[in-house]
């Protein structure tokens, strides 16, 4: 099913009727109700006068926050998917999509802000528990520098894992199409979140980040923008190039990666963590894109169907070096007492990225074993 996130104007009476029908929504029903709230005219005013509008939704959010992060919870996957999808819909309001202006009716809503803050609070506490943050916080400036350099050396040329071998040797054409469909959620708006951290005082670090952004955006030429190359790959394989067309295919782990970056770029206090994460992303990129490129070459695809990977391999080799030597290490010198935050950001980006990649790989392998043709 295709979801474009362009919602019809809500009829308030239908919202009230559906709320009266359900004591507790299922996750799908709660998400649909939340989508309606997003475009309800002056949602804060409506909720103030009719608080029951959000009663059932709030109950489902509370259940999801409990089940998503409870150890061995049987509903963890469903709850995580629900929460990450809601967070994504909130976070996308920070960017302009050249779509229906009504979609931004409540971008400054205090209620929606409170939802985002609550969801992020529970989720980020859980995410931090996935890493040994106590040890990371013990790092002094020199140890942080050495840690970043060692991590970069290792991640620049990782060993060939079973997953990498599968992509290079066994991925089918339909699996490749599914991979592009999932990746398009980010690939078609690539680098948009990076733009959110570039304002402010000027220095060499800011200049380097601008250089990375400019190359991602084709130096202002749409034909050279990286997302244009991604769209060309999709067109070559008869895929829909409308942003978010394949939203419903995306695993929650991938949404979590996107939402994590939204959080770090919207909170300037997390500036160091974001740049540590971006350092990993740019350094690891060429190795990851090489897997996809080799899959495309093995399948005999055209240059248009794999040009994005070639471009990224070429440019991200520079970007990774820039991020390490001209951004991350200088930030250690600038903020020696907080240098550990760069390492935390690096490790979190890798961990969350690896988790997302594993979820996508699981989809690809299960898909190939169950079907010969993907209808997209």
Protein backbone atom coordinates (compact mmCIF):
# COMPACT_ATOMS: atom_id res chain seq x y z
CA UNK A 1 0.00 0.00 0.00
CA UNK A 2 1.32 3.43 -0.95
CA UNK A 3 1.25 6.26 1.60
CA UNK A 4 2.04 9.81 0.50
CA UNK A 5 1.26 11.55 3.80
CA UNK A 6 -1.04 13.98 1.97
CA UNK A 7 -4.19 13.83 4.06
CA UNK A 8 -7.68 14.94 3.15
CA UNK A 9 -9.10 17.75 5.37
CA UNK A 10 -10.60 16.14 8.45
CA UNK A 11 -14.29 16.26 9.30
CA UNK A 12 -14.43 16.78 13.04
CA UNK A 13 -17.64 14.82 13.50
CA UNK A 14 -16.08 11.67 12.04
CA UNK A 15 -13.19 12.03 14.46
CA UNK A 16 -15.56 12.29 17.42
CA UNK A 17 -17.63 9.32 16.23
CA UNK A 18 -14.63 7.05 15.78
CA UNK A 19 -13.27 8.00 19.19
CA UNK A 20 -16.57 7.09 20.80
CA UNK A 21 -16.42 3.71 19.09
CA UNK A 22 -13.03 2.59 20.44
CA UNK A 23 -11.94 2.47 24.04
CA UNK A 24 -8.45 1.60 22.84
CA UNK A 25 -7.41 1.83 19.22
CA UNK A 26 -5.32 -0.73 17.51
CA UNK A 27 -2.00 0.71 16.38
CA UNK A 28 -3.22 1.14 12.81
CA UNK A 29 -6.38 2.89 13.95
CA UNK A 30 -4.45 5.12 16.33
CA UNK A 31 -2.03 6.10 13.58
CA UNK A 32 -4.87 7.00 11.23
CA UNK A 33 -6.43 9.13 13.96
CA UNK A 34 -3.11 10.83 14.62
CA UNK A 35 -2.73 11.61 10.90
CA UNK A 36 -6.12 13.31 11.02
CA UNK A 37 -5.14 15.37 14.03
CA UNK A 38 -2.11 16.69 12.16
CA UNK A 39 -4.28 18.63 9.73
CA UNK A 40 -7.16 19.48 12.05
CA UNK A 41 -7.61 23.26 12.04
CA UNK A 42 -6.00 24.69 15.19
CA UNK A 43 -5.59 21.31 16.84
CA UNK A 44 -4.57 22.80 20.21
CA UNK A 45 -7.79 24.78 20.44
CA UNK A 46 -9.88 21.77 19.46
CA UNK A 47 -8.21 19.59 22.09
CA UNK A 48 -8.60 22.27 24.76
CA UNK A 49 -12.35 22.43 24.21
CA UNK A 50 -12.81 18.71 23.59
CA UNK A 51 -10.06 16.80 25.43
CA UNK A 52 -11.74 13.48 24.68
CA UNK A 53 -10.51 13.87 21.10
CA UNK A 54 -7.13 12.50 22.18
CA UNK A 55 -8.17 10.21 25.03
CA UNK A 56 -8.02 6.94 23.12
CA UNK A 57 -4.94 7.99 21.16
CA UNK A 58 -3.09 8.87 24.35
CA UNK A 59 -4.01 5.49 25.84
CA UNK A 60 -2.53 3.71 22.82
CA UNK A 61 0.64 5.86 22.94
CA UNK A 62 1.10 4.96 26.61
CA UNK A 63 0.72 1.25 25.82
CA UNK A 64 3.20 1.53 22.96
CA UNK A 65 5.81 3.30 25.11
CA UNK A 66 5.47 0.48 27.63
CA UNK A 67 5.60 -2.40 25.17
CA UNK A 68 8.25 -1.06 22.79
CA UNK A 69 10.99 -0.99 25.41
CA UNK A 70 9.95 -3.74 27.81
CA UNK A 71 12.30 -6.71 27.84
CA UNK A 72 10.89 -9.73 25.95
CA UNK A 73 7.65 -7.91 25.14
CA UNK A 74 5.69 -9.86 22.48
CA UNK A 75 4.33 -6.56 21.10
CA UNK A 76 7.66 -4.77 20.91
CA UNK A 77 7.86 -4.79 17.11
CA UNK A 78 4.33 -3.46 16.57
CA UNK A 79 4.73 -0.83 19.27
CA UNK A 80 8.11 0.32 17.93
CA UNK A 81 6.72 0.58 14.41
CA UNK A 82 3.79 2.68 15.61
CA UNK A 83 5.98 5.04 17.63
CA UNK A 84 8.60 5.52 14.93
CA UNK A 85 5.98 6.17 12.26
CA UNK A 86 4.35 8.84 14.42
CA UNK A 87 7.73 10.41 15.17
CA UNK A 88 8.58 10.50 11.49
CA UNK A 89 5.32 12.26 10.65
CA UNK A 90 6.09 14.86 13.31
CA UNK A 91 9.72 15.30 12.31
CA UNK A 92 8.98 15.80 8.63
CA UNK A 93 7.21 19.04 9.57
CA UNK A 94 10.68 20.53 10.04
CA UNK A 95 11.25 20.35 6.27
CA UNK A 96 9.21 21.77 3.40
CA UNK A 97 8.05 19.22 0.85
CA UNK A 98 6.34 21.41 -1.78
CA UNK A 99 3.08 19.69 -0.96
CA UNK A 100 -0.32 20.73 0.38
CA UNK A 101 0.15 23.73 2.69
CA UNK A 102 -2.56 22.32 4.96
CA UNK A 103 -0.05 19.66 6.01
CA UNK A 104 1.79 22.34 8.00
CA UNK A 105 -1.29 23.72 9.77
CA UNK A 106 -0.09 22.52 13.17
CA UNK A 107 3.69 22.65 12.88
CA UNK A 108 3.89 24.83 16.02
CA UNK A 109 1.27 22.90 17.97
CA UNK A 110 2.09 22.58 21.67
CA UNK A 111 0.23 19.30 21.85
CA UNK A 112 2.17 17.77 18.97
CA UNK A 113 5.38 19.07 20.51
CA UNK A 114 4.50 17.36 23.77
CA UNK A 115 3.88 14.09 21.93
CA UNK A 116 7.24 14.31 20.20
CA UNK A 117 9.05 15.13 23.44
CA UNK A 118 7.46 12.21 25.29
CA UNK A 119 8.14 9.70 22.54
CA UNK A 120 11.74 10.82 22.18
CA UNK A 121 12.31 10.75 25.93
CA UNK A 122 11.31 7.08 26.29
CA UNK A 123 13.02 6.02 23.07
CA UNK A 124 16.32 7.84 23.58
CA UNK A 125 16.70 6.50 27.11
CA UNK A 126 16.32 3.00 25.66
CA UNK A 127 18.74 3.73 22.81
CA UNK A 128 21.44 4.95 25.19
CA UNK A 129 21.11 1.72 27.15
CA UNK A 130 22.12 -0.22 24.03
CA UNK A 131 25.69 1.12 24.35
CA UNK A 132 28.23 1.28 27.16
CA UNK A 133 27.78 5.00 27.66
CA UNK A 134 29.50 4.96 31.05
CA UNK A 135 32.79 3.92 29.46
CA UNK A 136 32.40 6.37 26.59
CA UNK A 137 31.88 9.25 29.04
CA UNK A 138 35.23 8.44 30.67
CA UNK A 139 37.14 9.35 27.49
CA UNK A 140 39.31 12.43 27.67
CA UNK A 141 40.12 14.51 24.59
CA UNK A 142 43.16 12.53 23.49
CA UNK A 143 41.43 9.20 24.02
CA UNK A 144 38.43 10.46 22.05
CA UNK A 145 40.68 11.51 19.17
CA UNK A 146 42.42 8.17 19.12
CA UNK A 147 39.11 6.37 19.36
CA UNK A 148 37.70 8.24 16.36
CA UNK A 149 40.81 7.61 14.27
CA UNK A 150 40.83 3.89 15.09
CA UNK A 151 37.13 3.54 14.38
CA UNK A 152 37.49 5.32 11.05
CA UNK A 153 40.37 3.07 9.98
CA UNK A 154 38.33 -0.03 10.79
CA UNK A 155 35.09 1.12 9.17
CA UNK A 156 36.70 2.39 5.99
CA UNK A 157 37.50 -1.15 4.84
CA UNK A 158 35.44 -3.64 6.88
CA UNK A 159 35.67 -7.37 6.37
CA UNK A 160 33.23 -9.03 3.99
CA UNK A 161 30.36 -10.26 6.16
CA UNK A 162 27.66 -12.74 5.18
CA UNK A 163 25.27 -9.85 4.57
CA UNK A 164 27.73 -8.09 2.29
CA UNK A 165 28.38 -11.32 0.43
CA UNK A 166 24.65 -11.88 -0.01
CA UNK A 167 24.18 -8.44 -1.53
CA UNK A 168 27.12 -8.87 -3.88
CA UNK A 169 26.42 -12.44 -4.97
CA UNK A 170 22.78 -13.43 -4.38
CA UNK A 171 20.49 -10.38 -4.42
CA UNK A 172 17.91 -10.73 -7.20
CA UNK A 173 16.59 -7.99 -9.45
CA UNK A 174 13.32 -7.84 -7.51
CA UNK A 175 15.29 -7.73 -4.29
CA UNK A 176 17.30 -4.83 -5.69
CA UNK A 177 14.05 -3.01 -6.53
CA UNK A 178 12.80 -3.59 -2.99
CA UNK A 179 16.10 -2.25 -1.63
CA UNK A 180 15.71 0.94 -3.67
CA UNK A 181 12.07 1.33 -2.64
CA UNK A 182 12.98 1.20 1.05
CA UNK A 183 16.05 3.41 0.66
CA UNK A 184 14.05 6.00 -1.29
CA UNK A 185 12.48 7.33 1.90
CA UNK A 186 15.85 8.88 2.67
CA UNK A 187 17.53 8.84 -0.74
CA UNK A 188 15.03 11.17 -2.40
CA UNK A 189 15.54 13.90 0.20
CA UNK A 190 19.17 13.19 0.99
CA UNK A 191 21.14 15.63 3.15
CA UNK A 192 18.02 17.62 4.06
CA UNK A 193 18.64 17.15 7.78
CA UNK A 194 22.27 18.25 7.46
CA UNK A 195 21.00 21.67 6.37
CA UNK A 196 19.45 22.16 9.81
CA UNK A 197 22.82 22.51 11.60
CA UNK A 198 24.57 24.95 9.26
CA UNK A 199 23.38 28.29 10.56
CA UNK A 200 25.30 30.28 13.16
CA UNK A 201 28.83 31.54 13.61
CA UNK A 202 31.32 31.02 10.80
CA UNK A 203 34.51 29.02 11.14
CA UNK A 204 36.45 26.30 9.31
CA UNK A 205 34.22 23.57 10.71
CA UNK A 206 31.08 25.24 9.43
CA UNK A 207 32.74 25.83 6.05
CA UNK A 208 33.57 22.12 5.73
CA UNK A 209 30.01 21.11 6.57
CA UNK A 210 28.77 23.52 3.90
CA UNK A 211 31.12 21.91 1.38
CA UNK A 212 29.65 18.50 2.16
CA UNK A 213 26.11 19.84 1.80
CA UNK A 214 26.89 21.64 -1.46
CA UNK A 215 28.25 18.48 -3.05
CA UNK A 216 25.23 16.51 -1.84
CA UNK A 217 23.05 19.18 -3.47
CA UNK A 218 25.01 19.22 -6.73
CA UNK A 219 26.33 22.73 -6.01
CA UNK A 220 22.85 24.08 -6.66
CA UNK A 221 22.25 22.22 -9.91
CA UNK A 222 19.27 19.89 -9.73
CA UNK A 223 20.69 17.59 -12.41
CA UNK A 224 23.76 16.97 -10.22
CA UNK A 225 21.94 16.66 -6.90
CA UNK A 226 22.43 13.23 -5.35
CA UNK A 227 18.71 12.67 -4.94
CA UNK A 228 18.32 13.22 -8.69
CA UNK A 229 20.67 10.31 -9.32
CA UNK A 230 18.66 8.22 -6.88
CA UNK A 231 15.43 9.07 -8.73
CA UNK A 232 17.08 8.08 -12.01
CA UNK A 233 17.87 4.66 -10.59
CA UNK A 234 14.25 4.25 -9.55
CA UNK A 235 12.88 5.35 -12.93
CA UNK A 236 15.14 2.87 -14.68
CA UNK A 237 13.54 0.10 -12.63
CA UNK A 238 9.93 1.33 -12.96
CA UNK A 239 9.65 2.56 -9.39
CA UNK A 240 7.59 5.49 -8.14
CA UNK A 241 9.83 8.52 -7.53
CA UNK A 242 7.32 10.42 -5.42
CA UNK A 243 8.95 11.05 -2.01
CA UNK A 244 7.55 8.72 0.65
CA UNK A 245 5.71 6.59 -1.92
CA UNK A 246 7.00 3.42 -0.22
CA UNK A 247 6.68 4.59 3.36
CA UNK A 248 4.70 1.50 4.35
CA UNK A 249 7.53 -0.80 3.27
CA UNK A 250 10.09 0.80 5.60
CA UNK A 251 11.01 -1.17 8.77
CA UNK A 252 10.80 0.70 12.05
CA UNK A 253 14.55 0.29 12.49
CA UNK A 254 15.13 2.41 9.37
CA UNK A 255 12.64 5.00 10.59
CA UNK A 256 14.48 5.06 13.91
CA UNK A 257 17.71 5.91 12.09
CA UNK A 258 16.00 8.79 10.28
CA UNK A 259 14.26 10.01 13.43
CA UNK A 260 17.50 9.85 15.40
CA UNK A 261 19.12 12.19 12.90
CA UNK A 262 16.13 14.52 13.01
CA UNK A 263 16.50 14.73 16.78
CA UNK A 264 20.24 15.42 16.71
CA UNK A 265 19.95 18.12 14.05
CA UNK A 266 16.99 19.86 15.69
CA UNK A 267 18.68 19.98 19.12
CA UNK A 268 21.77 22.15 18.95
CA UNK A 269 22.89 20.68 22.27
CA UNK A 270 23.47 17.45 20.33
CA UNK A 271 25.68 19.13 17.72
CA UNK A 272 28.72 17.06 18.70
CA UNK A 273 26.80 13.79 18.67
CA UNK A 274 25.41 14.54 15.22
CA UNK A 275 28.82 15.31 13.76
CA UNK A 276 30.28 12.17 15.30
CA UNK A 277 27.48 10.22 13.65
CA UNK A 278 27.93 11.98 10.32
CA UNK A 279 31.62 11.13 10.44
CA UNK A 280 30.75 7.43 10.65
CA UNK A 281 28.11 7.73 7.94
CA UNK A 282 30.46 9.34 5.45
CA UNK A 283 33.37 7.02 6.23
CA UNK A 284 31.31 3.82 6.03
CA UNK A 285 29.36 4.91 2.96
CA UNK A 286 31.78 3.80 0.20
CA UNK A 287 31.98 0.25 1.56
CA UNK A 288 28.18 -0.05 1.81
CA UNK A 289 27.59 1.47 -1.63
CA UNK A 290 30.18 -0.85 -3.14
CA UNK A 291 28.00 -3.80 -2.12
CA UNK A 292 25.01 -2.27 -3.89
CA UNK A 293 27.10 -1.38 -6.93
CA UNK A 294 28.46 -4.90 -7.27
CA UNK A 295 24.93 -6.27 -7.02
CA UNK A 296 23.79 -3.94 -9.81
CA UNK A 297 26.77 -4.83 -12.00
CA UNK A 298 26.16 -8.55 -11.49
CA UNK A 299 22.53 -8.05 -12.51
CA UNK A 300 23.68 -6.31 -15.68
CA UNK A 301 21.94 -3.02 -14.93
CA UNK A 302 22.60 0.19 -16.83
CA UNK A 303 24.67 3.11 -15.59
CA UNK A 304 21.43 4.98 -14.88
CA UNK A 305 20.29 2.16 -12.60
CA UNK A 306 23.42 2.33 -10.46
CA UNK A 307 24.86 5.81 -11.01
CA UNK A 308 23.99 6.97 -7.52
CA UNK A 309 26.28 4.35 -5.97
CA UNK A 310 29.18 5.30 -8.22
CA UNK A 311 28.77 8.97 -7.35
CA UNK A 312 28.63 8.28 -3.64
CA UNK A 313 31.64 6.00 -3.62
CA UNK A 314 33.65 8.73 -5.34
CA UNK A 315 32.44 11.68 -3.25
CA UNK A 316 32.05 10.03 0.15
CA UNK A 317 35.69 9.00 0.17
CA UNK A 318 36.45 12.73 0.36
CA UNK A 319 33.56 13.49 2.68
CA UNK A 320 34.66 10.88 5.19
CA UNK A 321 38.17 12.32 5.32
CA UNK A 322 36.81 15.85 5.63
CA UNK A 323 34.49 14.86 8.45
CA UNK A 324 37.27 13.19 10.41
CA UNK A 325 40.13 15.64 9.95
CA UNK A 326 38.28 18.94 9.42
CA UNK A 327 35.19 18.50 11.61
CA UNK A 328 35.37 15.76 14.26
CA UNK A 329 38.97 16.18 15.41
CA UNK A 330 38.81 20.00 15.48
CA UNK A 331 35.60 19.75 17.51
CA UNK A 332 37.49 17.61 20.03
CA UNK A 333 39.99 20.48 20.41
CA UNK A 334 37.20 23.03 20.67
CA UNK A 335 35.19 21.05 23.24
CA UNK A 336 37.74 18.85 25.07
CA UNK A 337 35.45 18.26 28.06
CA UNK A 338 32.70 16.99 25.77
CA UNK A 339 34.85 15.11 23.26
CA UNK A 340 33.23 11.84 24.33
CA UNK A 341 29.97 13.06 22.76
CA UNK A 342 31.57 12.78 19.31
CA UNK A 343 32.48 9.17 20.03
CA UNK A 344 28.99 8.47 21.36
CA UNK A 345 27.50 9.95 18.20
CA UNK A 346 29.80 7.84 16.04
CA UNK A 347 29.00 4.63 17.90
CA UNK A 348 25.25 5.32 17.99
CA UNK A 349 25.10 6.01 14.26
CA UNK A 350 26.92 2.76 13.57
CA UNK A 351 24.78 0.73 15.96
CA UNK A 352 21.47 2.16 14.76
CA UNK A 353 22.60 1.87 11.13
CA UNK A 354 23.65 -1.74 11.55
CA UNK A 355 20.31 -2.55 13.17
CA UNK A 356 18.45 -0.93 10.28
CA UNK A 357 20.60 -2.77 7.73
CA UNK A 358 19.86 -6.09 9.46
CA UNK A 359 16.11 -5.40 9.31
CA UNK A 360 16.31 -4.58 5.61
CA UNK A 361 18.42 -7.66 4.96
CA UNK A 362 15.83 -9.81 6.71
CA UNK A 363 13.14 -8.38 4.43
CA UNK A 364 15.24 -8.97 1.31
CA UNK A 365 16.02 -12.57 2.17
CA UNK A 366 12.46 -13.43 3.21
CA UNK A 367 11.07 -11.72 0.13
CA UNK A 368 13.33 -13.65 -2.21
CA UNK A 369 12.30 -16.91 -0.64
CA UNK A 370 8.57 -16.21 -0.89
CA UNK A 371 8.02 -14.41 -4.18
CA UNK A 372 9.45 -14.02 -7.65
CA UNK A 373 7.94 -10.66 -8.45
CA UNK A 374 7.55 -7.47 -6.46
CA UNK A 375 4.63 -5.25 -7.33
CA UNK A 376 5.65 -1.65 -6.64
